[in-house]
Amino acid sequence: MGIEVRSCRDDEMQQYYDIGSYVFADPELIPTENGGTAPDWTTCAWVDGTLASIMGAFPFTVRLNGAPVKMAGVTQVGTLPGYRRQGLLRKIMTRAFSDMREREQPFAILWASMGAIYQRFGYGLASDDIKYRFDPRTAALRENDEPKGSVSVETVEQGYPTAKMLYIESATPRNLHIHRSRALWEVGIFRMPKDHGPVRVAIYRDADGQPRGHIVYQAYHAQFDTPGPDQMMDVRDFVYLDLGAHRALWQYILKHDLVRRVDMHGCIGEDDPTPDLLLEPRMLGKHTKDGIWMRVIDVEKALSSRPYGAAGEIVIEVTGDSMCPWNEGRWLLATDGQMTSVARTSRATDLNLSPNALASLLAGYRSATRLSRLGTATPSRPETLRAADAMFATEYAPHCPNSF
């Protein structure tokens, strides 16, 4: 069996998308004018001349504790059933990790169809994926004063410039927010089912007329088993610059008297204030599952890429990274919180980590103490954990409000 691992050529991209469409049972998984995977950013395996296994990536810039960091947004990973269990995906991943390192991307991120697949390749969980599903009639705010500003409803084309500005300001200090291209807005935010009617942008402006937040949503008729309101609302984007904007947008949602069910998915971070603001938080119907999975491609660049929660020095030892062997060894991280230096060292190890655990730690998703309790991080002494917890703390919980 002859196996060739390389990028697709232009004339092979239709095959690439055909495999992705088959694997994910998604007939709409095709390239569009709003963006698709570039041939040079694919890594695929041919078996005896037949395309059998695929992987793509996007060249993203992502906020990591408020700093812009280059990351590979991995997408469309799949193998045709007749070629599975033959190690093709491992060959693809190994090549792709090497390419990412050459492109100076210290991290790769993805949404996993199955987390078990990617943990084998050194990915660690980096965020939660949270969904609210609730009846707006039961989701009253504890303090329900009328907002001093106003909400205007606009079309996508009308509202996009303001929504983009608000997102940039909101995302800048945050954690795992992607720098959104117009393609990411179109595919990840504005693309909703056409038979559900128009997509709308509601923008909240304060008493001085300044935009302070927005939601992107769709409201449409639905079938229910009992009499009552007969509409549903899907909220795709929820951006606010202050608590006043959050309250105003929430009140706007609740004023849709003919809506019986609201779904909010993708726009909710773990530190979302809504549960603390409601009379009955349980009525949100909160559902949590795994979100972004992160892979540390280049430990030296990864450790130096983000701001830290406290000044200090720590020697990190990475072990068990056969797919990125250049990561293994001991690394001295010294930081004042903003300026950081990282170098190989012969000093004694303070904290030993797998590549999976290091990803969760760097993302701010898991503390060193939590990882130690899970058995995926080993400190040299107990006080190491307290120092590491302070250093690796993030201003905001990790949350990626974009699919890709």
Protein backbone atom coordinates (compact mmCIF):
# COMPACT_ATOMS: atom_id res chain seq x y z
CA MET A 1 0.00 0.00 0.00
CA GLY A 2 1.52 3.29 -1.12
CA ILE A 3 0.73 6.27 1.15
CA GLU A 4 1.43 9.86 0.15
CA VAL A 5 0.90 12.75 2.59
CA ARG A 6 0.76 16.27 1.14
CA SER A 7 -1.44 19.30 0.49
CA CYS A 8 -4.21 19.22 -2.09
CA ARG A 9 -3.74 20.86 -5.45
CA ASP A 10 -6.36 23.27 -6.74
CA ASP A 11 -7.93 20.63 -8.97
CA GLU A 12 -8.23 18.21 -6.03
CA MET A 13 -10.22 20.47 -3.72
CA GLN A 14 -13.60 19.19 -4.87
CA GLN A 15 -12.54 15.71 -3.75
CA TYR A 16 -11.49 17.21 -0.42
CA TYR A 17 -14.92 18.78 0.11
CA ASP A 18 -16.70 15.65 -1.10
CA ILE A 19 -14.98 13.62 1.62
CA GLY A 20 -15.80 16.23 4.26
CA SER A 21 -19.43 16.30 3.15
CA TYR A 22 -19.63 12.51 3.38
CA VAL A 23 -17.87 12.16 6.74
CA PHE A 24 -19.97 14.84 8.44
CA ALA A 25 -23.20 14.09 6.53
CA ASP A 26 -23.38 17.75 5.58
CA PRO A 27 -24.34 18.53 1.97
CA GLU A 28 -23.60 22.23 2.57
CA LEU A 29 -19.96 21.55 3.43
CA ILE A 30 -18.66 23.07 0.21
CA PRO A 31 -16.41 26.03 -0.58
CA THR A 32 -18.22 29.34 -0.94
CA GLU A 33 -17.36 32.85 -2.01
CA ASN A 34 -17.22 33.70 1.71
CA GLY A 35 -14.25 31.49 2.32
CA GLY A 36 -13.06 27.93 2.37
CA THR A 37 -9.91 26.05 3.13
CA ALA A 38 -7.01 27.10 0.92
CA PRO A 39 -5.27 24.18 -0.82
CA ASP A 40 -1.94 25.09 0.80
CA TRP A 41 -3.58 24.78 4.22
CA THR A 42 -4.76 21.22 3.72
CA THR A 43 -2.89 18.10 4.79
CA CYS A 44 -4.19 14.91 3.23
CA ALA A 45 -3.32 11.27 2.68
CA TRP A 46 -3.59 9.42 -0.62
CA VAL A 47 -3.58 5.62 -0.61
CA ASP A 48 -2.51 4.09 -3.90
CA GLY A 49 -3.48 7.34 -5.61
CA THR A 50 -6.91 7.69 -3.94
CA LEU A 51 -7.65 10.57 -1.57
CA ALA A 52 -8.57 8.82 1.68
CA SER A 53 -8.02 11.13 4.65
CA ILE A 54 -8.22 14.93 4.95
CA MET A 55 -7.49 17.81 7.29
CA GLY A 56 -7.67 21.56 6.77
CA ALA A 57 -6.66 24.62 8.76
CA PHE A 58 -7.29 28.35 8.84
CA PRO A 59 -4.57 30.90 9.71
CA PHE A 60 -6.24 32.54 12.70
CA THR A 61 -5.20 35.20 15.14
CA VAL A 62 -6.77 34.47 18.53
CA ARG A 63 -6.81 36.43 21.79
CA LEU A 64 -5.03 34.53 24.56
CA ASN A 65 -5.60 36.29 27.86
CA GLY A 66 -5.83 39.53 25.88
CA ALA A 67 -2.82 39.02 23.61
CA PRO A 68 -3.04 38.31 19.85
CA VAL A 69 -1.56 34.90 19.07
CA LYS A 70 -1.24 33.04 15.76
CA MET A 71 -3.12 29.74 15.84
CA ALA A 72 -4.10 27.11 13.30
CA GLY A 73 -7.86 26.62 13.26
CA VAL A 74 -8.11 22.94 12.38
CA THR A 75 -11.19 21.93 10.42
CA GLN A 76 -12.69 19.13 8.32
CA VAL A 77 -10.73 16.22 9.73
CA GLY A 78 -12.01 12.96 8.33
CA THR A 79 -11.17 9.61 6.80
CA LEU A 80 -13.31 7.53 4.48
CA PRO A 81 -14.62 4.42 6.32
CA GLY A 82 -12.74 1.98 4.11
CA TYR A 83 -9.41 3.52 5.13
CA ARG A 84 -9.90 3.93 8.87
CA ARG A 85 -7.80 2.23 11.60
CA GLN A 86 -4.72 2.35 9.36
CA GLY A 87 -2.87 5.24 11.02
CA LEU A 88 -3.61 7.75 8.26
CA LEU A 89 -4.81 10.47 10.61
CA ARG A 90 -1.68 10.16 12.75
CA LYS A 91 0.47 10.59 9.65
CA ILE A 92 -1.55 13.66 8.65
CA MET A 93 -1.38 15.20 12.13
CA THR A 94 2.36 14.62 12.42
CA ARG A 95 2.98 16.39 9.11
CA ALA A 96 0.55 19.19 9.95
CA PHE A 97 2.15 19.87 13.35
CA SER A 98 5.54 20.22 11.67
CA ASP A 99 4.07 22.61 9.09
CA MET A 100 2.41 24.70 11.82
CA ARG A 101 5.72 24.99 13.63
CA GLU A 102 7.38 26.24 10.43
CA ARG A 103 4.56 28.77 10.05
CA GLU A 104 5.28 29.96 13.61
CA GLN A 105 1.86 28.97 14.92
CA PRO A 106 2.46 27.90 18.54
CA PHE A 107 -1.06 26.51 18.95
CA ALA A 108 -3.70 24.58 17.03
CA ILE A 109 -7.36 24.70 18.03
CA LEU A 110 -10.43 22.79 16.89
CA TRP A 111 -14.02 21.82 17.62
CA ALA A 112 -13.98 18.05 18.04
CA SER A 113 -16.57 15.67 16.66
CA MET A 114 -15.15 13.21 19.22
CA GLY A 115 -12.76 14.37 21.92
CA ALA A 116 -11.25 10.89 22.27
CA ILE A 117 -9.74 11.18 18.79
CA TYR A 118 -7.78 14.33 19.51
CA GLN A 119 -6.60 13.55 23.02
CA ARG A 120 -4.46 10.83 21.42
CA PHE A 121 -2.67 13.56 19.49
CA GLY A 122 -1.89 15.78 22.49
CA TYR A 123 -4.92 18.09 22.42
CA GLY A 124 -6.20 19.30 25.78
CA LEU A 125 -9.62 20.74 26.57
CA ALA A 126 -9.43 24.53 26.53
CA SER A 127 -13.02 25.76 26.96
CA ASP A 128 -16.62 24.80 27.58
CA ASP A 129 -19.41 24.98 25.01
CA ILE A 130 -22.52 26.30 26.76
CA LYS A 131 -26.10 26.46 25.57
CA TYR A 132 -29.14 28.13 27.13
CA ARG A 133 -32.62 26.95 26.17
CA PHE A 134 -35.41 28.69 28.02
CA ASP A 135 -38.93 30.09 28.00
CA PRO A 136 -38.52 33.88 28.14
CA ARG A 137 -41.65 34.12 30.28
CA THR A 138 -39.73 32.47 33.14
CA ALA A 139 -36.36 34.22 32.72
CA ALA A 140 -37.00 37.52 34.48
CA LEU A 141 -34.13 39.69 35.66
CA ARG A 142 -33.79 40.30 39.39
CA GLU A 143 -33.50 44.04 38.73
CA ASN A 144 -35.74 44.97 35.83
CA ASP A 145 -35.39 48.73 35.52
CA GLU A 146 -35.91 50.08 32.03
CA PRO A 147 -32.60 50.80 30.25
CA LYS A 148 -31.67 54.44 29.77
CA GLY A 149 -30.70 53.84 26.16
CA SER A 150 -32.51 52.18 23.27
CA VAL A 151 -32.33 49.13 21.00
CA SER A 152 -32.56 49.44 17.21
CA VAL A 153 -33.19 46.50 14.88
CA GLU A 154 -31.17 46.46 11.67
CA THR A 155 -30.49 44.19 8.73
CA VAL A 156 -27.22 42.33 8.51
CA GLU A 157 -25.80 44.83 6.04
CA GLN A 158 -26.93 47.79 8.15
CA GLY A 159 -25.78 46.38 11.45
CA TYR A 160 -22.54 44.68 10.46
CA PRO A 161 -20.19 47.71 10.73
CA THR A 162 -21.37 48.53 14.25
CA ALA A 163 -21.46 44.88 15.33
CA LYS A 164 -17.91 44.40 14.04
CA MET A 165 -16.70 47.44 16.00
CA LEU A 166 -18.40 46.20 19.17
CA TYR A 167 -16.99 42.71 18.78
CA ILE A 168 -13.43 43.99 18.34
CA GLU A 169 -13.67 46.11 21.49
CA SER A 170 -15.26 43.28 23.48
CA ALA A 171 -12.87 40.60 22.22
CA THR A 172 -9.61 42.51 22.74
CA PRO A 173 -9.14 41.72 26.47
CA ARG A 174 -10.73 38.29 26.27
CA ASN A 175 -9.57 34.72 26.00
CA LEU A 176 -9.92 32.48 22.87
CA HIS A 177 -11.87 35.05 20.86
CA ILE A 178 -10.87 34.83 17.20
CA HIS A 179 -10.12 37.92 15.12
CA ARG A 180 -13.18 37.65 12.87
CA SER A 181 -12.78 38.07 9.14
CA ARG A 182 -15.89 38.90 7.11
CA ALA A 183 -15.95 35.21 6.13
CA LEU A 184 -16.13 34.18 9.80
CA TRP A 185 -18.97 36.62 10.35
CA GLU A 186 -20.84 35.26 7.34
CA VAL A 187 -20.32 31.55 7.98
CA GLY A 188 -20.23 31.48 11.78
CA ILE A 189 -22.66 34.24 12.76
CA PHE A 190 -24.94 35.39 9.94
CA ARG A 191 -25.57 32.05 8.23
CA MET A 192 -28.84 30.71 9.62
CA PRO A 193 -31.59 28.59 8.01
CA LYS A 194 -33.10 30.54 5.13
CA ASP A 195 -36.57 29.12 5.75
CA HIS A 196 -36.57 30.71 9.21
CA GLY A 197 -36.72 34.20 7.78
CA PRO A 198 -34.34 37.16 7.98
CA VAL A 199 -31.36 37.39 10.30
CA ARG A 200 -31.48 40.55 12.39
CA VAL A 201 -28.96 42.62 14.32
CA ALA A 202 -30.26 44.39 17.43
CA ILE A 203 -27.92 47.14 18.65
CA TYR A 204 -28.14 48.76 22.07
CA ARG A 205 -27.08 52.41 22.31
CA ASP A 206 -26.74 54.16 25.64
CA ALA A 207 -28.31 57.47 26.63
CA ASP A 208 -25.54 59.30 24.78
CA GLY A 209 -26.27 57.36 21.59
CA GLN A 210 -23.07 55.28 21.80
CA PRO A 211 -23.25 51.61 20.72
CA ARG A 212 -22.60 49.37 23.74
CA GLY A 213 -23.77 45.93 22.66
CA HIS A 214 -25.58 43.81 20.09
CA ILE A 215 -27.24 40.49 19.43
CA VAL A 216 -27.57 38.61 16.14
CA TYR A 217 -30.73 36.52 16.05
CA GLN A 218 -33.55 34.96 14.11
CA ALA A 219 -37.19 34.63 15.25
CA TYR A 220 -39.60 32.30 13.47
CA HIS A 221 -42.80 30.25 13.81
CA ALA A 222 -42.53 26.78 15.34
CA GLN A 223 -44.83 23.91 16.32
CA PHE A 224 -45.55 23.22 20.00
CA ASP A 225 -47.76 20.59 21.63
CA THR A 226 -49.72 23.02 23.79
CA PRO A 227 -51.50 26.34 23.13
CA GLY A 228 -49.57 29.54 23.68
CA PRO A 229 -46.83 31.57 22.01
CA ASP A 230 -45.79 29.94 18.75
CA GLN A 231 -42.36 31.39 17.97
CA MET A 232 -38.74 30.45 18.62
CA MET A 233 -35.70 32.70 18.75
CA ASP A 234 -32.13 31.63 18.00
CA VAL A 235 -29.49 34.02 19.36
CA ARG A 236 -26.16 33.52 17.62
CA ASP A 237 -24.10 36.47 18.90
CA PHE A 238 -24.39 38.31 22.22
CA VAL A 239 -21.81 41.07 22.70
CA TYR A 240 -21.83 43.69 25.45
CA LEU A 241 -19.28 46.22 26.67
CA ASP A 242 -20.80 46.74 30.12
CA LEU A 243 -23.45 45.30 32.40
CA GLY A 244 -25.95 47.96 31.37
CA ALA A 245 -25.77 46.77 27.77
CA HIS A 246 -26.12 43.16 28.90
CA ARG A 247 -29.28 43.95 30.87
CA ALA A 248 -30.76 46.01 28.04
CA LEU A 249 -30.22 43.28 25.46
CA TRP A 250 -31.62 40.66 27.81
CA GLN A 251 -34.72 42.77 28.39
CA TYR A 252 -35.07 43.15 24.64
CA ILE A 253 -35.14 39.37 24.24
CA LEU A 254 -37.73 38.99 27.03
CA LYS A 255 -40.06 41.53 25.39
CA HIS A 256 -40.77 39.16 22.50
CA ASP A 257 -44.14 38.11 23.89
CA LEU A 258 -44.90 35.58 21.14
CA VAL A 259 -41.62 33.70 21.63
CA ARG A 260 -41.95 30.52 23.68
CA ARG A 261 -38.39 29.22 23.42
CA VAL A 262 -35.03 30.97 23.13
CA ASP A 263 -31.89 29.09 22.13
CA MET A 264 -28.54 30.76 22.83
CA HIS A 265 -25.60 28.71 21.61
CA GLY A 266 -22.01 29.68 20.93
CA CYS A 267 -22.27 33.13 22.48
CA ILE A 268 -22.11 32.11 26.14
CA GLY A 269 -18.89 31.93 28.13
CA GLU A 270 -18.44 30.12 31.44
CA ASP A 271 -18.18 33.50 33.19
CA ASP A 272 -21.38 34.84 31.61
CA PRO A 273 -23.14 37.00 34.24
CA THR A 274 -26.70 35.99 33.30
CA PRO A 275 -27.22 33.27 35.95
CA ASP A 276 -26.29 35.82 38.64
CA LEU A 277 -28.78 38.36 37.30
CA LEU A 278 -31.93 36.22 37.05
CA LEU A 279 -34.61 35.52 39.63
CA GLU A 280 -34.58 31.84 38.63
CA PRO A 281 -31.19 30.90 37.14
CA ARG A 282 -32.20 27.26 36.71
CA MET A 283 -34.78 28.31 34.12
CA LEU A 284 -31.95 28.97 31.65
CA GLY A 285 -31.76 25.23 31.02
CA LYS A 286 -27.98 25.49 30.92
CA HIS A 287 -26.23 22.67 29.08
CA THR A 288 -22.44 22.34 29.06
CA LYS A 289 -20.20 20.15 26.92
CA ASP A 290 -16.62 20.22 25.71
CA GLY A 291 -15.74 23.24 23.61
CA ILE A 292 -12.40 24.13 22.05
CA TRP A 293 -9.56 21.61 22.11
CA MET A 294 -6.07 23.08 21.99
CA ARG A 295 -2.71 21.61 20.96
CA VAL A 296 0.60 23.20 21.96
CA ILE A 297 2.72 23.06 18.79
CA ASP A 298 5.76 25.00 20.00
CA VAL A 299 6.24 25.14 23.78
CA GLU A 300 8.83 27.92 23.73
CA LYS A 301 6.66 30.27 21.65
CA ALA A 302 3.46 29.19 23.41
CA LEU A 303 4.75 29.97 26.90
CA SER A 304 5.97 33.40 25.81
CA SER A 305 2.84 34.33 23.85
CA ARG A 306 0.41 35.30 26.60
CA PRO A 307 0.32 37.70 29.56
CA TYR A 308 0.40 36.11 33.01
CA GLY A 309 -1.65 36.69 36.13
CA ALA A 310 1.36 37.15 38.41
CA ALA A 311 5.10 37.62 38.23
CA GLY A 312 7.35 34.66 38.90
CA GLU A 313 9.64 31.93 37.65
CA ILE A 314 8.76 28.30 37.05
CA VAL A 315 10.46 25.36 35.35
CA ILE A 316 7.98 23.45 33.20
CA GLU A 317 8.91 19.96 32.02
CA VAL A 318 6.99 18.51 29.09
CA THR A 319 7.04 14.73 28.72
CA GLY A 320 5.37 12.22 26.43
CA ASP A 321 5.16 14.41 23.32
CA SER A 322 6.19 11.99 20.58
CA MET A 323 4.37 13.95 17.85
CA CYS A 324 6.17 17.22 18.67
CA PRO A 325 9.45 15.94 20.13
CA TRP A 326 10.97 19.44 20.05
CA ASN A 327 8.62 20.30 22.92
CA GLU A 328 10.06 17.76 25.34
CA GLY A 329 12.38 18.82 28.11
CA ARG A 330 12.60 21.51 30.77
CA TRP A 331 11.72 25.14 30.10
CA LEU A 332 12.36 28.09 32.40
CA LEU A 333 9.54 30.63 32.25
CA ALA A 334 10.28 34.00 33.86
CA THR A 335 7.68 36.78 33.72
CA ASP A 336 6.71 40.07 35.29
CA GLY A 337 3.16 39.47 34.05
CA GLN A 338 3.56 41.22 30.68
CA MET A 339 7.14 40.61 29.57
CA THR A 340 8.15 36.95 29.50
CA SER A 341 11.29 35.01 28.67
CA VAL A 342 11.39 31.27 27.97
CA ALA A 343 14.49 29.14 27.51
CA ARG A 344 15.63 25.57 27.90
CA THR A 345 17.19 24.91 31.28
CA SER A 346 19.01 22.31 33.34
CA ARG A 347 17.38 23.55 36.55
CA ALA A 348 15.24 21.16 38.55
CA THR A 349 11.66 20.71 37.39
CA ASP A 350 8.91 22.59 39.23
CA LEU A 351 5.94 21.23 37.29
CA ASN A 352 5.83 18.19 35.00
CA LEU A 353 3.03 18.15 32.42
CA SER A 354 1.75 16.20 29.45
CA PRO A 355 1.14 18.25 26.28
CA ASN A 356 -2.61 17.83 26.86
CA ALA A 357 -2.41 19.27 30.37
CA LEU A 358 -0.16 22.13 29.27
CA ALA A 359 -2.78 23.20 26.71
CA SER A 360 -5.51 23.31 29.38
CA LEU A 361 -3.20 25.27 31.70
CA LEU A 362 -2.10 27.84 29.10
CA ALA A 363 -5.69 28.44 27.99
CA GLY A 364 -6.70 29.22 31.56
CA TYR A 365 -9.24 26.40 31.46
CA ARG A 366 -7.70 24.32 34.24
CA SER A 367 -5.48 25.42 37.10
CA ALA A 368 -2.27 23.64 38.01
CA THR A 369 -3.93 22.50 41.23
CA ARG A 370 -6.84 20.97 39.32
CA LEU A 371 -4.50 19.24 36.88
CA SER A 372 -2.47 17.86 39.78
CA ARG A 373 -5.61 16.41 41.34
CA LEU A 374 -6.43 14.84 37.99
CA GLY A 375 -2.97 13.24 37.86
CA THR A 376 -1.91 15.02 34.67
CA ALA A 377 0.50 17.47 36.34
CA THR A 378 3.15 16.64 38.93
CA PRO A 379 4.55 19.42 41.14
CA SER A 380 7.93 19.22 42.84
CA ARG A 381 6.38 20.59 46.03
CA PRO A 382 2.90 21.80 47.11
CA GLU A 383 3.75 25.51 47.00
CA THR A 384 4.56 25.14 43.29
CA LEU A 385 0.85 24.71 42.60
CA ARG A 386 -0.13 27.92 44.38
CA ALA A 387 2.47 29.90 42.43
CA ALA A 388 1.48 28.29 39.11
CA ASP A 389 -2.22 28.92 39.77
CA ALA A 390 -1.52 32.63 40.20
CA MET A 391 0.76 32.84 37.17
CA PHE A 392 -1.50 31.03 34.71
CA ALA A 393 -4.76 32.69 35.82
CA THR A 394 -6.60 34.55 33.05
CA GLU A 395 -8.70 37.70 33.19
CA TYR A 396 -11.63 35.97 31.48
CA ALA A 397 -12.65 32.34 31.18
CA PRO A 398 -11.69 30.85 27.81
CA HIS A 399 -14.55 31.05 25.31
CA CYS A 400 -14.57 30.85 21.53
CA PRO A 401 -17.77 32.39 20.11
CA ASN A 402 -17.14 31.15 16.56
CA SER A 403 -17.57 27.85 14.81
CA PHE A 404 -15.11 27.04 12.03
